[in-house]
Each structure stands twice: as C-alpha cells, then as structure tokens.
Amino acid sequence: RKQNMVYLQMNSLKPEDTGTYYCALQKQDSDYDAFTPRGMDFWG
C-alpha cells in the first residue's frame, strides 16, 4: 500500500507461462469480474 505496488511472484515456471504479462486496474464497482479483460479500467 505504501509503495502503490503490486507484485506477482512466479515460481516453478513452465514453458506455457511464456508470454506477455499485463497489470490492469479495475474499479471495485465494476460490472465485470477480475479476469475479464474488457472490464479493466487501466492497463500497463
């Protein structure tokens, strides 16, 4: 919270984990669930 940072610790990585990872912000009053890309408000 104090750093305004979110982390993703990835262990035991597999070849299928390869790809681009995006961080996205979603307002808490969103009509979409957290895993729906179109429901995100801001993207890295």
PDB file of all heavy atoms in Angstrom:
ATOM      1  N   ARG A   1       0.818  -1.209   0.000  1.00  0.00           N
ATOM      2  CA  ARG A   1       0.000   0.000   0.000  1.00  0.00           C
ATOM      3  C   ARG A   1       0.853   1.262   0.000  1.00  0.00           C
ATOM      4  O   ARG A   1       0.587   2.201  -0.742  1.00  0.00           O
ATOM      5  CB  ARG A   1      -0.929  -0.001   1.208  1.00  0.00           C
ATOM      6  CG  ARG A   1      -2.088  -0.975   1.113  1.00  0.00           C
ATOM      7  CD  ARG A   1      -2.864  -0.989   2.408  1.00  0.00           C
ATOM      8  NE  ARG A   1      -4.130  -1.704   2.298  1.00  0.00           N
ATOM      9  CZ  ARG A   1      -4.933  -1.973   3.316  1.00  0.00           C
ATOM     10  NH1 ARG A   1      -4.595  -1.591   4.537  1.00  0.00           N
ATOM     11  NH2 ARG A   1      -6.062  -2.623   3.128  1.00  0.00           N
ATOM     12  N   LYS A   2       1.866   1.276   0.830  1.00  0.00           N
ATOM     13  CA  LYS A   2       2.670   2.487   0.955  1.00  0.00           C
ATOM     14  C   LYS A   2       3.494   2.772  -0.289  1.00  0.00           C
ATOM     15  O   LYS A   2       3.871   3.909  -0.534  1.00  0.00           O
ATOM     16  CB  LYS A   2       3.572   2.414   2.186  1.00  0.00           C
ATOM     17  CG  LYS A   2       4.586   1.298   2.171  1.00  0.00           C
ATOM     18  CD  LYS A   2       5.347   1.262   3.482  1.00  0.00           C
ATOM     19  CE  LYS A   2       6.345   0.127   3.523  1.00  0.00           C
ATOM     20  NZ  LYS A   2       7.058   0.088   4.825  1.00  0.00           N
ATOM     21  N   GLN A   3       3.768   1.751  -1.064  1.00  0.00           N
ATOM     22  CA  GLN A   3       4.527   1.922  -2.293  1.00  0.00           C
ATOM     23  C   GLN A   3       3.657   1.987  -3.549  1.00  0.00           C
ATOM     24  O   GLN A   3       4.175   2.242  -4.636  1.00  0.00           O
ATOM     25  CB  GLN A   3       5.547   0.789  -2.451  1.00  0.00           C
ATOM     26  CG  GLN A   3       6.646   0.788  -1.412  1.00  0.00           C
ATOM     27  CD  GLN A   3       7.623  -0.341  -1.621  1.00  0.00           C
ATOM     28  OE1 GLN A   3       7.267  -1.514  -1.590  1.00  0.00           O
ATOM     29  NE2 GLN A   3       8.881   0.015  -1.855  1.00  0.00           N
ATOM     30  N   ASN A   4       2.359   1.740  -3.401  1.00  0.00           N
ATOM     31  CA  ASN A   4       1.459   1.632  -4.547  1.00  0.00           C
ATOM     32  C   ASN A   4       1.997   0.627  -5.560  1.00  0.00           C
ATOM     33  O   ASN A   4       2.078   0.897  -6.763  1.00  0.00           O
ATOM     34  CB  ASN A   4       1.220   2.993  -5.199  1.00  0.00           C
ATOM     35  CG  ASN A   4       0.177   3.819  -4.469  1.00  0.00           C
ATOM     36  OD1 ASN A   4      -0.147   3.566  -3.317  1.00  0.00           O
ATOM     37  ND2 ASN A   4      -0.362   4.818  -5.159  1.00  0.00           N
ATOM     38  N   MET A   5       2.363  -0.526  -5.051  1.00  0.00           N
ATOM     39  CA  MET A   5       2.949  -1.567  -5.876  1.00  0.00           C
ATOM     40  C   MET A   5       2.175  -2.873  -5.713  1.00  0.00           C
ATOM     41  O   MET A   5       1.671  -3.179  -4.632  1.00  0.00           O
ATOM     42  CB  MET A   5       4.402  -1.817  -5.491  1.00  0.00           C
ATOM     43  CG  MET A   5       5.323  -0.634  -5.714  1.00  0.00           C
ATOM     44  SD  MET A   5       5.769  -0.433  -7.450  1.00  0.00           S
ATOM     45  CE  MET A   5       6.852  -1.845  -7.658  1.00  0.00           C
ATOM     46  N   VAL A   6       2.105  -3.617  -6.786  1.00  0.00           N
ATOM     47  CA  VAL A   6       1.576  -4.965  -6.767  1.00  0.00           C
ATOM     48  C   VAL A   6       2.613  -5.879  -7.382  1.00  0.00           C
ATOM     49  O   VAL A   6       3.235  -5.535  -8.391  1.00  0.00           O
ATOM     50  CB  VAL A   6       0.238  -5.063  -7.517  1.00  0.00           C
ATOM     51  CG1 VAL A   6      -0.224  -6.517  -7.620  1.00  0.00           C
ATOM     52  CG2 VAL A   6      -0.827  -4.239  -6.807  1.00  0.00           C
ATOM     53  N   TYR A   7       2.776  -7.039  -6.789  1.00  0.00           N
ATOM     54  CA  TYR A   7       3.794  -7.978  -7.231  1.00  0.00           C
ATOM     55  C   TYR A   7       3.170  -9.302  -7.629  1.00  0.00           C
ATOM     56  O   TYR A   7       2.126  -9.697  -7.133  1.00  0.00           O
ATOM     57  CB  TYR A   7       4.809  -8.230  -6.118  1.00  0.00           C
ATOM     58  CG  TYR A   7       5.453  -6.978  -5.596  1.00  0.00           C
ATOM     59  CD1 TYR A   7       4.981  -6.352  -4.441  1.00  0.00           C
ATOM     60  CD2 TYR A   7       6.525  -6.397  -6.259  1.00  0.00           C
ATOM     61  CE1 TYR A   7       5.562  -5.198  -3.965  1.00  0.00           C
ATOM     62  CE2 TYR A   7       7.114  -5.241  -5.786  1.00  0.00           C
ATOM     63  CZ  TYR A   7       6.636  -4.647  -4.641  1.00  0.00           C
ATOM     64  OH  TYR A   7       7.215  -3.495  -4.171  1.00  0.00           O
ATOM     65  N   LEU A   8       3.838  -9.977  -8.532  1.00  0.00           N
ATOM     66  CA  LEU A   8       3.484 -11.334  -8.871  1.00  0.00           C
ATOM     67  C   LEU A   8       4.741 -12.181  -8.766  1.00  0.00           C
ATOM     68  O   LEU A   8       5.632 -12.081  -9.610  1.00  0.00           O
ATOM     69  CB  LEU A   8       2.893 -11.433 -10.279  1.00  0.00           C
ATOM     70  CG  LEU A   8       2.385 -12.822 -10.674  1.00  0.00           C
ATOM     71  CD1 LEU A   8       1.149 -13.195  -9.851  1.00  0.00           C
ATOM     72  CD2 LEU A   8       2.058 -12.874 -12.167  1.00  0.00           C
ATOM     73  N   GLN A   9       4.804 -12.973  -7.718  1.00  0.00           N
ATOM     74  CA  GLN A   9       5.908 -13.901  -7.544  1.00  0.00           C
ATOM     75  C   GLN A   9       5.576 -15.176  -8.291  1.00  0.00           C
ATOM     76  O   GLN A   9       4.571 -15.826  -8.001  1.00  0.00           O
ATOM     77  CB  GLN A   9       6.135 -14.198  -6.061  1.00  0.00           C
ATOM     78  CG  GLN A   9       7.248 -15.196  -5.786  1.00  0.00           C
ATOM     79  CD  GLN A   9       8.607 -14.676  -6.174  1.00  0.00           C
ATOM     80  OE1 GLN A   9       8.941 -13.533  -5.857  1.00  0.00           O
ATOM     81  NE2 GLN A   9       9.392 -15.494  -6.877  1.00  0.00           N
ATOM     82  N   MET A  10       6.402 -15.531  -9.249  1.00  0.00           N
ATOM     83  CA  MET A  10       6.173 -16.686 -10.095  1.00  0.00           C
ATOM     84  C   MET A  10       7.257 -17.716  -9.826  1.00  0.00           C
ATOM     85  O   MET A  10       8.440 -17.463 -10.075  1.00  0.00           O
ATOM     86  CB  MET A  10       6.164 -16.287 -11.571  1.00  0.00           C
ATOM     87  CG  MET A  10       5.170 -15.179 -11.901  1.00  0.00           C
ATOM     88  SD  MET A  10       5.029 -14.879 -13.679  1.00  0.00           S
ATOM     89  CE  MET A  10       6.694 -14.301 -14.022  1.00  0.00           C
ATOM     90  N   ASN A  11       6.850 -18.858  -9.334  1.00  0.00           N
ATOM     91  CA  ASN A  11       7.762 -19.954  -9.051  1.00  0.00           C
ATOM     92  C   ASN A  11       7.416 -21.158  -9.908  1.00  0.00           C
ATOM     93  O   ASN A  11       6.327 -21.253 -10.465  1.00  0.00           O
ATOM     94  CB  ASN A  11       7.697 -20.339  -7.572  1.00  0.00           C
ATOM     95  CG  ASN A  11       8.090 -19.225  -6.639  1.00  0.00           C
ATOM     96  OD1 ASN A  11       8.957 -18.405  -6.954  1.00  0.00           O
ATOM     97  ND2 ASN A  11       7.468 -19.182  -5.464  1.00  0.00           N
ATOM     98  N   SER A  12       8.343 -22.087  -9.976  1.00  0.00           N
ATOM     99  CA  SER A  12       8.137 -23.329 -10.732  1.00  0.00           C
ATOM    100  C   SER A  12       7.626 -23.048 -12.136  1.00  0.00           C
ATOM    101  O   SER A  12       6.656 -23.649 -12.605  1.00  0.00           O
ATOM    102  CB  SER A  12       7.164 -24.247  -9.980  1.00  0.00           C
ATOM    103  OG  SER A  12       7.643 -24.558  -8.688  1.00  0.00           O
ATOM    104  N   LEU A  13       8.293 -22.157 -12.810  1.00  0.00           N
ATOM    105  CA  LEU A  13       7.818 -21.707 -14.114  1.00  0.00           C
ATOM    106  C   LEU A  13       7.878 -22.814 -15.155  1.00  0.00           C
ATOM    107  O   LEU A  13       8.790 -23.646 -15.155  1.00  0.00           O
ATOM    108  CB  LEU A  13       8.628 -20.506 -14.574  1.00  0.00           C
ATOM    109  CG  LEU A  13       8.228 -19.201 -13.878  1.00  0.00           C
ATOM    110  CD1 LEU A  13       9.320 -18.161 -14.031  1.00  0.00           C
ATOM    111  CD2 LEU A  13       6.913 -18.678 -14.439  1.00  0.00           C
ATOM    112  N   LYS A  14       6.881 -22.789 -16.018  1.00  0.00           N
ATOM    113  CA  LYS A  14       6.722 -23.768 -17.075  1.00  0.00           C
ATOM    114  C   LYS A  14       6.783 -23.073 -18.434  1.00  0.00           C
ATOM    115  O   LYS A  14       6.514 -21.881 -18.532  1.00  0.00           O
ATOM    116  CB  LYS A  14       5.370 -24.484 -16.939  1.00  0.00           C
ATOM    117  CG  LYS A  14       5.130 -25.153 -15.597  1.00  0.00           C
ATOM    118  CD  LYS A  14       3.717 -25.706 -15.517  1.00  0.00           C
ATOM    119  CE  LYS A  14       3.459 -26.367 -14.180  1.00  0.00           C
ATOM    120  NZ  LYS A  14       2.075 -26.897 -14.092  1.00  0.00           N
ATOM    121  N   PRO A  15       7.101 -23.816 -19.488  1.00  0.00           N
ATOM    122  CA  PRO A  15       7.127 -23.194 -20.817  1.00  0.00           C
ATOM    123  C   PRO A  15       5.816 -22.499 -21.178  1.00  0.00           C
ATOM    124  O   PRO A  15       5.842 -21.453 -21.838  1.00  0.00           O
ATOM    125  CB  PRO A  15       7.411 -24.373 -21.748  1.00  0.00           C
ATOM    126  CG  PRO A  15       8.197 -25.320 -20.905  1.00  0.00           C
ATOM    127  CD  PRO A  15       7.590 -25.205 -19.533  1.00  0.00           C
ATOM    128  N   GLU A  16       4.700 -23.048 -20.762  1.00  0.00           N
ATOM    129  CA  GLU A  16       3.414 -22.445 -21.081  1.00  0.00           C
ATOM    130  C   GLU A  16       3.160 -21.128 -20.358  1.00  0.00           C
ATOM    131  O   GLU A  16       2.205 -20.419 -20.678  1.00  0.00           O
ATOM    132  CB  GLU A  16       2.259 -23.426 -20.801  1.00  0.00           C
ATOM    133  CG  GLU A  16       2.267 -24.009 -19.400  1.00  0.00           C
ATOM    134  CD  GLU A  16       2.910 -25.384 -19.343  1.00  0.00           C
ATOM    135  OE1 GLU A  16       3.955 -25.585 -19.987  1.00  0.00           O
ATOM    136  OE2 GLU A  16       2.353 -26.267 -18.654  1.00  0.00           O
ATOM    137  N   ASP A  17       4.008 -20.788 -19.401  1.00  0.00           N
ATOM    138  CA  ASP A  17       3.924 -19.486 -18.759  1.00  0.00           C
ATOM    139  C   ASP A  17       4.518 -18.380 -19.621  1.00  0.00           C
ATOM    140  O   ASP A  17       4.370 -17.195 -19.293  1.00  0.00           O
ATOM    141  CB  ASP A  17       4.645 -19.497 -17.411  1.00  0.00           C
ATOM    142  CG  ASP A  17       4.007 -20.441 -16.410  1.00  0.00           C
ATOM    143  OD1 ASP A  17       2.759 -20.508 -16.355  1.00  0.00           O
ATOM    144  OD2 ASP A  17       4.759 -21.111 -15.670  1.00  0.00           O
ATOM    145  N   THR A  18       5.192 -18.756 -20.677  1.00  0.00           N
ATOM    146  CA  THR A  18       5.796 -17.783 -21.586  1.00  0.00           C
ATOM    147  C   THR A  18       4.743 -16.853 -22.175  1.00  0.00           C
ATOM    148  O   THR A  18       3.641 -17.277 -22.533  1.00  0.00           O
ATOM    149  CB  THR A  18       6.544 -18.500 -22.716  1.00  0.00           C
ATOM    150  OG1 THR A  18       7.689 -19.158 -22.178  1.00  0.00           O
ATOM    151  CG2 THR A  18       6.996 -17.526 -23.797  1.00  0.00           C
ATOM    152  N   GLY A  19       5.078 -15.596 -22.266  1.00  0.00           N
ATOM    153  CA  GLY A  19       4.187 -14.625 -22.862  1.00  0.00           C
ATOM    154  C   GLY A  19       4.326 -13.284 -22.193  1.00  0.00           C
ATOM    155  O   GLY A  19       5.196 -13.067 -21.351  1.00  0.00           O
ATOM    156  N   THR A  20       3.462 -12.389 -22.573  1.00  0.00           N
ATOM    157  CA  THR A  20       3.461 -11.048 -22.007  1.00  0.00           C
ATOM    158  C   THR A  20       2.517 -10.992 -20.816  1.00  0.00           C
ATOM    159  O   THR A  20       1.384 -11.472 -20.884  1.00  0.00           O
ATOM    160  CB  THR A  20       3.046 -10.011 -23.050  1.00  0.00           C
ATOM    161  OG1 THR A  20       3.940 -10.086 -24.169  1.00  0.00           O
ATOM    162  CG2 THR A  20       3.105  -8.604 -22.474  1.00  0.00           C
ATOM    163  N   TYR A  21       2.995 -10.409 -19.750  1.00  0.00           N
ATOM    164  CA  TYR A  21       2.192 -10.239 -18.549  1.00  0.00           C
ATOM    165  C   TYR A  21       1.813  -8.773 -18.401  1.00  0.00           C
ATOM    166  O   TYR A  21       2.671  -7.889 -18.445  1.00  0.00           O
ATOM    167  CB  TYR A  21       2.953 -10.728 -17.320  1.00  0.00           C
ATOM    168  CG  TYR A  21       3.005 -12.229 -17.246  1.00  0.00           C
ATOM    169  CD1 TYR A  21       3.912 -12.940 -18.033  1.00  0.00           C
ATOM    170  CD2 TYR A  21       2.135 -12.947 -16.433  1.00  0.00           C
ATOM    171  CE1 TYR A  21       3.938 -14.321 -17.999  1.00  0.00           C
ATOM    172  CE2 TYR A  21       2.162 -14.320 -16.390  1.00  0.00           C
ATOM    173  CZ  TYR A  21       3.064 -15.009 -17.173  1.00  0.00           C
ATOM    174  OH  TYR A  21       3.093 -16.385 -17.133  1.00  0.00           O
ATOM    175  N   TYR A  22       0.524  -8.553 -18.238  1.00  0.00           N
ATOM    176  CA  TYR A  22      -0.022  -7.219 -18.115  1.00  0.00           C
ATOM    177  C   TYR A  22      -0.609  -7.012 -16.728  1.00  0.00           C
ATOM    178  O   TYR A  22      -1.256  -7.900 -16.178  1.00  0.00           O
ATOM    179  CB  TYR A  22      -1.136  -6.976 -19.136  1.00  0.00           C
ATOM    180  CG  TYR A  22      -0.702  -7.078 -20.572  1.00  0.00           C
ATOM    181  CD1 TYR A  22      -0.736  -8.289 -21.251  1.00  0.00           C
ATOM    182  CD2 TYR A  22      -0.269  -5.947 -21.260  1.00  0.00           C
ATOM    183  CE1 TYR A  22      -0.348  -8.382 -22.571  1.00  0.00           C
ATOM    184  CE2 TYR A  22       0.117  -6.029 -22.587  1.00  0.00           C
ATOM    185  CZ  TYR A  22       0.074  -7.249 -23.235  1.00  0.00           C
ATOM    186  OH  TYR A  22       0.452  -7.333 -24.550  1.00  0.00           O
ATOM    187  N   CYS A  23      -0.404  -5.848 -16.209  1.00  0.00           N
ATOM    188  CA  CYS A  23      -1.027  -5.419 -14.968  1.00  0.00           C
ATOM    189  C   CYS A  23      -2.186  -4.499 -15.313  1.00  0.00           C
ATOM    190  O   CYS A  23      -2.027  -3.569 -16.112  1.00  0.00           O
ATOM    191  CB  CYS A  23       0.004  -4.692 -14.103  1.00  0.00           C
ATOM    192  SG  CYS A  23      -0.625  -4.098 -12.517  1.00  0.00           S
ATOM    193  N   ALA A  24      -3.338  -4.754 -14.739  1.00  0.00           N
ATOM    194  CA  ALA A  24      -4.524  -3.971 -15.042  1.00  0.00           C
ATOM    195  C   ALA A  24      -5.255  -3.590 -13.772  1.00  0.00           C
ATOM    196  O   ALA A  24      -5.320  -4.366 -12.817  1.00  0.00           O
ATOM    197  CB  ALA A  24      -5.458  -4.748 -15.966  1.00  0.00           C
ATOM    198  N   LEU A  25      -5.819  -2.390 -13.782  1.00  0.00           N
ATOM    199  CA  LEU A  25      -6.586  -1.874 -12.659  1.00  0.00           C
ATOM    200  C   LEU A  25      -8.064  -1.922 -12.978  1.00  0.00           C
ATOM    201  O   LEU A  25      -8.486  -1.584 -14.088  1.00  0.00           O
ATOM    202  CB  LEU A  25      -6.184  -0.432 -12.351  1.00  0.00           C
ATOM    203  CG  LEU A  25      -4.967  -0.191 -11.453  1.00  0.00           C
ATOM    204  CD1 LEU A  25      -3.709  -0.822 -12.019  1.00  0.00           C
ATOM    205  CD2 LEU A  25      -4.773   1.315 -11.253  1.00  0.00           C
ATOM    206  N   GLN A  26      -8.829  -2.312 -11.998  1.00  0.00           N
ATOM    207  CA  GLN A  26     -10.268  -2.416 -12.144  1.00  0.00           C
ATOM    208  C   GLN A  26     -10.947  -1.737 -10.969  1.00  0.00           C
ATOM    209  O   GLN A  26     -10.646  -2.049  -9.814  1.00  0.00           O
ATOM    210  CB  GLN A  26     -10.698  -3.881 -12.222  1.00  0.00           C
ATOM    211  CG  GLN A  26     -12.190  -4.107 -12.382  1.00  0.00           C
ATOM    212  CD  GLN A  26     -12.556  -5.579 -12.294  1.00  0.00           C
ATOM    213  OE1 GLN A  26     -11.990  -6.328 -11.501  1.00  0.00           O
ATOM    214  NE2 GLN A  26     -13.507  -6.000 -13.117  1.00  0.00           N
ATOM    215  N   LYS A  27     -11.875  -0.839 -11.246  1.00  0.00           N
ATOM    216  CA  LYS A  27     -12.645  -0.208 -10.190  1.00  0.00           C
ATOM    217  C   LYS A  27     -13.469  -1.249  -9.443  1.00  0.00           C
ATOM    218  O   LYS A  27     -13.990  -2.191 -10.040  1.00  0.00           O
ATOM    219  CB  LYS A  27     -13.567   0.864 -10.761  1.00  0.00           C
ATOM    220  CG  LYS A  27     -12.837   2.017 -11.421  1.00  0.00           C
ATOM    221  CD  LYS A  27     -13.812   2.994 -12.062  1.00  0.00           C
ATOM    222  CE  LYS A  27     -13.085   4.108 -12.761  1.00  0.00           C
ATOM    223  NZ  LYS A  27     -14.007   5.030 -13.459  1.00  0.00           N
ATOM    224  N   GLN A  28     -13.600  -1.068  -8.154  1.00  0.00           N
ATOM    225  CA  GLN A  28     -14.292  -2.054  -7.340  1.00  0.00           C
ATOM    226  C   GLN A  28     -15.782  -2.131  -7.636  1.00  0.00           C
ATOM    227  O   GLN A  28     -16.414  -3.126  -7.300  1.00  0.00           O
ATOM    228  CB  GLN A  28     -14.057  -1.774  -5.857  1.00  0.00           C
ATOM    229  CG  GLN A  28     -12.625  -2.037  -5.425  1.00  0.00           C
ATOM    230  CD  GLN A  28     -12.443  -1.961  -3.925  1.00  0.00           C
ATOM    231  OE1 GLN A  28     -13.279  -1.421  -3.210  1.00  0.00           O
ATOM    232  NE2 GLN A  28     -11.341  -2.507  -3.449  1.00  0.00           N
ATOM    233  N   ASP A  29     -16.335  -1.113  -8.262  1.00  0.00           N
ATOM    234  CA  ASP A  29     -17.746  -1.146  -8.630  1.00  0.00           C
ATOM    235  C   ASP A  29     -17.963  -1.612 -10.069  1.00  0.00           C
ATOM    236  O   ASP A  29     -19.022  -1.380 -10.651  1.00  0.00           O
ATOM    237  CB  ASP A  29     -18.397   0.222  -8.424  1.00  0.00           C
ATOM    238  CG  ASP A  29     -17.766   1.326  -9.256  1.00  0.00           C
ATOM    239  OD1 ASP A  29     -16.786   1.053  -9.974  1.00  0.00           O
ATOM    240  OD2 ASP A  29     -18.260   2.468  -9.190  1.00  0.00           O
ATOM    241  N   SER A  30     -16.981  -2.287 -10.626  1.00  0.00           N
ATOM    242  CA  SER A  30     -17.057  -2.771 -11.994  1.00  0.00           C
ATOM    243  C   SER A  30     -18.190  -3.774 -12.178  1.00  0.00           C
ATOM    244  O   SER A  30     -18.533  -4.530 -11.269  1.00  0.00           O
ATOM    245  CB  SER A  30     -15.737  -3.418 -12.402  1.00  0.00           C
ATOM    246  OG  SER A  30     -15.828  -3.997 -13.678  1.00  0.00           O
ATOM    247  N   ASP A  31     -18.751  -3.786 -13.386  1.00  0.00           N
ATOM    248  CA  ASP A  31     -19.762  -4.777 -13.750  1.00  0.00           C
ATOM    249  C   ASP A  31     -19.151  -6.100 -14.172  1.00  0.00           C
ATOM    250  O   ASP A  31     -19.883  -7.062 -14.405  1.00  0.00           O
ATOM    251  CB  ASP A  31     -20.632  -4.256 -14.894  1.00  0.00           C
ATOM    252  CG  ASP A  31     -21.479  -3.068 -14.502  1.00  0.00           C
ATOM    253  OD1 ASP A  31     -21.862  -2.975 -13.318  1.00  0.00           O
ATOM    254  OD2 ASP A  31     -21.770  -2.233 -15.382  1.00  0.00           O
ATOM    255  N   TYR A  32     -17.841  -6.167 -14.275  1.00  0.00           N
ATOM    256  CA  TYR A  32     -17.140  -7.354 -14.741  1.00  0.00           C
ATOM    257  C   TYR A  32     -16.330  -7.972 -13.623  1.00  0.00           C
ATOM    258  O   TYR A  32     -15.937  -7.303 -12.666  1.00  0.00           O
ATOM    259  CB  TYR A  32     -16.207  -7.004 -15.903  1.00  0.00           C
ATOM    260  CG  TYR A  32     -16.903  -6.434 -17.115  1.00  0.00           C
ATOM    261  CD1 TYR A  32     -17.086  -5.067 -17.241  1.00  0.00           C
ATOM    262  CD2 TYR A  32     -17.367  -7.268 -18.122  1.00  0.00           C
ATOM    263  CE1 TYR A  32     -17.723  -4.540 -18.345  1.00  0.00           C
ATOM    264  CE2 TYR A  32     -18.007  -6.749 -19.230  1.00  0.00           C
ATOM    265  CZ  TYR A  32     -18.181  -5.382 -19.338  1.00  0.00           C
ATOM    266  OH  TYR A  32     -18.811  -4.870 -20.445  1.00  0.00           O
ATOM    267  N   ASP A  33     -16.044  -9.267 -13.786  1.00  0.00           N
ATOM    268  CA  ASP A  33     -15.195  -9.916 -12.797  1.00  0.00           C
ATOM    269  C   ASP A  33     -13.734  -9.594 -13.081  1.00  0.00           C
ATOM    270  O   ASP A  33     -13.382  -8.994 -14.092  1.00  0.00           O
ATOM    271  CB  ASP A  33     -15.456 -11.432 -12.737  1.00  0.00           C
ATOM    272  CG  ASP A  33     -15.078 -12.169 -14.001  1.00  0.00           C
ATOM    273  OD1 ASP A  33     -14.000 -11.891 -14.577  1.00  0.00           O
ATOM    274  OD2 ASP A  33     -15.843 -13.056 -14.418  1.00  0.00           O
ATOM    275  N   ALA A  34     -12.871 -10.011 -12.180  1.00  0.00           N
ATOM    276  CA  ALA A  34     -11.478  -9.598 -12.213  1.00  0.00           C
ATOM    277  C   ALA A  34     -10.666 -10.238 -13.322  1.00  0.00           C
ATOM    278  O   ALA A  34      -9.547  -9.791 -13.596  1.00  0.00           O
ATOM    279  CB  ALA A  34     -10.816  -9.890 -10.870  1.00  0.00           C
ATOM    280  N   PHE A  35     -11.179 -11.267 -13.961  1.00  0.00           N
ATOM    281  CA  PHE A  35     -10.445 -11.955 -15.013  1.00  0.00           C
ATOM    282  C   PHE A  35     -11.007 -11.672 -16.396  1.00  0.00           C
ATOM    283  O   PHE A  35     -10.697 -12.384 -17.353  1.00  0.00           O
ATOM    284  CB  PHE A  35     -10.438 -13.463 -14.761  1.00  0.00           C
ATOM    285  CG  PHE A  35      -9.433 -13.922 -13.733  1.00  0.00           C
ATOM    286  CD1 PHE A  35      -8.754 -13.016 -12.943  1.00  0.00           C
ATOM    287  CD2 PHE A  35      -9.173 -15.270 -13.559  1.00  0.00           C
ATOM    288  CE1 PHE A  35      -7.833 -13.437 -11.997  1.00  0.00           C
ATOM    289  CE2 PHE A  35      -8.256 -15.703 -12.619  1.00  0.00           C
ATOM    290  CZ  PHE A  35      -7.585 -14.788 -11.836  1.00  0.00           C
ATOM    291  N   THR A  36     -11.802 -10.652 -16.522  1.00  0.00           N
ATOM    292  CA  THR A  36     -12.384 -10.259 -17.800  1.00  0.00           C
ATOM    293  C   THR A  36     -11.653  -9.036 -18.327  1.00  0.00           C
ATOM    294  O   THR A  36     -11.787  -7.942 -17.773  1.00  0.00           O
ATOM    295  CB  THR A  36     -13.879  -9.948 -17.653  1.00  0.00           C
ATOM    296  OG1 THR A  36     -14.552 -11.095 -17.140  1.00  0.00           O
ATOM    297  CG2 THR A  36     -14.485  -9.577 -18.999  1.00  0.00           C
ATOM    298  N   PRO A  37     -10.862  -9.198 -19.387  1.00  0.00           N
ATOM    299  CA  PRO A  37     -10.045  -8.073 -19.858  1.00  0.00           C
ATOM    300  C   PRO A  37     -10.832  -6.802 -20.142  1.00  0.00           C
ATOM    301  O   PRO A  37     -10.371  -5.705 -19.817  1.00  0.00           O
ATOM    302  CB  PRO A  37      -9.399  -8.628 -21.133  1.00  0.00           C
ATOM    303  CG  PRO A  37      -9.299 -10.095 -20.881  1.00  0.00           C
ATOM    304  CD  PRO A  37     -10.560 -10.438 -20.129  1.00  0.00           C
ATOM    305  N   ARG A  38     -12.005  -6.927 -20.740  1.00  0.00           N
ATOM    306  CA  ARG A  38     -12.780  -5.742 -21.114  1.00  0.00           C
ATOM    307  C   ARG A  38     -13.308  -4.992 -19.904  1.00  0.00           C
ATOM    308  O   ARG A  38     -13.762  -3.859 -20.042  1.00  0.00           O
ATOM    309  CB  ARG A  38     -13.931  -6.120 -22.038  1.00  0.00           C
ATOM    310  CG  ARG A  38     -14.987  -7.016 -21.406  1.00  0.00           C
ATOM    311  CD  ARG A  38     -16.044  -7.383 -22.429  1.00  0.00           C
ATOM    312  NE  ARG A  38     -17.029  -8.316 -21.881  1.00  0.00           N
ATOM    313  CZ  ARG A  38     -18.041  -8.818 -22.556  1.00  0.00           C
ATOM    314  NH1 ARG A  38     -18.215  -8.477 -23.831  1.00  0.00           N
ATOM    315  NH2 ARG A  38     -18.880  -9.659 -21.970  1.00  0.00           N
ATOM    316  N   GLY A  39     -13.259  -5.610 -18.741  1.00  0.00           N
ATOM    317  CA  GLY A  39     -13.691  -4.953 -17.528  1.00  0.00           C
ATOM    318  C   GLY A  39     -12.619  -4.134 -16.833  1.00  0.00           C
ATOM    319  O   GLY A  39     -12.904  -3.484 -15.828  1.00  0.00           O
ATOM    320  N   MET A  40     -11.405  -4.160 -17.365  1.00  0.00           N
ATOM    321  CA  MET A  40     -10.319  -3.406 -16.762  1.00  0.00           C
ATOM    322  C   MET A  40     -10.384  -1.939 -17.166  1.00  0.00           C
ATOM    323  O   MET A  40     -10.734  -1.612 -18.301  1.00  0.00           O
ATOM    324  CB  MET A  40      -8.961  -3.986 -17.157  1.00  0.00           C
ATOM    325  CG  MET A  40      -8.789  -5.462 -16.799  1.00  0.00           C
ATOM    326  SD  MET A  40      -8.908  -5.795 -15.020  1.00  0.00           S
ATOM    327  CE  MET A  40     -10.520  -6.614 -14.964  1.00  0.00           C
ATOM    328  N   ASP A  41     -10.027  -1.067 -16.248  1.00  0.00           N
ATOM    329  CA  ASP A  41     -10.091   0.366 -16.493  1.00  0.00           C
ATOM    330  C   ASP A  41      -8.767   0.968 -16.952  1.00  0.00           C
ATOM    331  O   ASP A  41      -8.751   1.946 -17.696  1.00  0.00           O
ATOM    332  CB  ASP A  41     -10.574   1.076 -15.230  1.00  0.00           C
ATOM    333  CG  ASP A  41     -11.991   0.702 -14.866  1.00  0.00           C
ATOM    334  OD1 ASP A  41     -12.906   1.093 -15.612  1.00  0.00           O
ATOM    335  OD2 ASP A  41     -12.188   0.011 -13.842  1.00  0.00           O
ATOM    336  N   PHE A  42      -7.667   0.403 -16.512  1.00  0.00           N
ATOM    337  CA  PHE A  42      -6.351   0.891 -16.887  1.00  0.00           C
ATOM    338  C   PHE A  42      -5.411  -0.277 -17.079  1.00  0.00           C
ATOM    339  O   PHE A  42      -5.461  -1.250 -16.324  1.00  0.00           O
ATOM    340  CB  PHE A  42      -5.784   1.850 -15.829  1.00  0.00           C
ATOM    341  CG  PHE A  42      -6.678   3.008 -15.525  1.00  0.00           C
ATOM    342  CD1 PHE A  42      -7.484   3.008 -14.401  1.00  0.00           C
ATOM    343  CD2 PHE A  42      -6.720   4.102 -16.368  1.00  0.00           C
ATOM    344  CE1 PHE A  42      -8.314   4.070 -14.118  1.00  0.00           C
ATOM    345  CE2 PHE A  42      -7.554   5.173 -16.098  1.00  0.00           C
ATOM    346  CZ  PHE A  42      -8.352   5.160 -14.972  1.00  0.00           C
ATOM    347  N   TRP A  43      -4.538  -0.150 -18.068  1.00  0.00           N
ATOM    348  CA  TRP A  43      -3.600  -1.204 -18.417  1.00  0.00           C
ATOM    349  C   TRP A  43      -2.176  -0.684 -18.472  1.00  0.00           C
ATOM    350  O   TRP A  43      -1.927   0.440 -18.904  1.00  0.00           O
ATOM    351  CB  TRP A  43      -3.924  -1.782 -19.795  1.00  0.00           C
ATOM    352  CG  TRP A  43      -5.159  -2.606 -19.878  1.00  0.00           C
ATOM    353  CD1 TRP A  43      -6.417  -2.170 -20.142  1.00  0.00           C
ATOM    354  CD2 TRP A  43      -5.243  -4.024 -19.730  1.00  0.00           C
ATOM    355  NE1 TRP A  43      -7.296  -3.230 -20.169  1.00  0.00           N
ATOM    356  CE2 TRP A  43      -6.605  -4.376 -19.921  1.00  0.00           C
ATOM    357  CE3 TRP A  43      -4.316  -5.027 -19.464  1.00  0.00           C
ATOM    358  CZ2 TRP A  43      -7.043  -5.698 -19.848  1.00  0.00           C
ATOM    359  CZ3 TRP A  43      -4.751  -6.336 -19.388  1.00  0.00           C
ATOM    360  CH2 TRP A  43      -6.109  -6.660 -19.584  1.00  0.00           C
ATOM    361  N   GLY A  44      -1.254  -1.540 -18.079  1.00  0.00           N
ATOM    362  CA  GLY A  44       0.132  -1.296 -18.390  1.00  0.00           C
ATOM    363  C   GLY A  44       0.456  -1.819 -19.776  1.00  0.00           C
ATOM    364  O   GLY A  44      -0.379  -2.422 -20.454  1.00  0.00           O
TER     365      GLY A  44
END
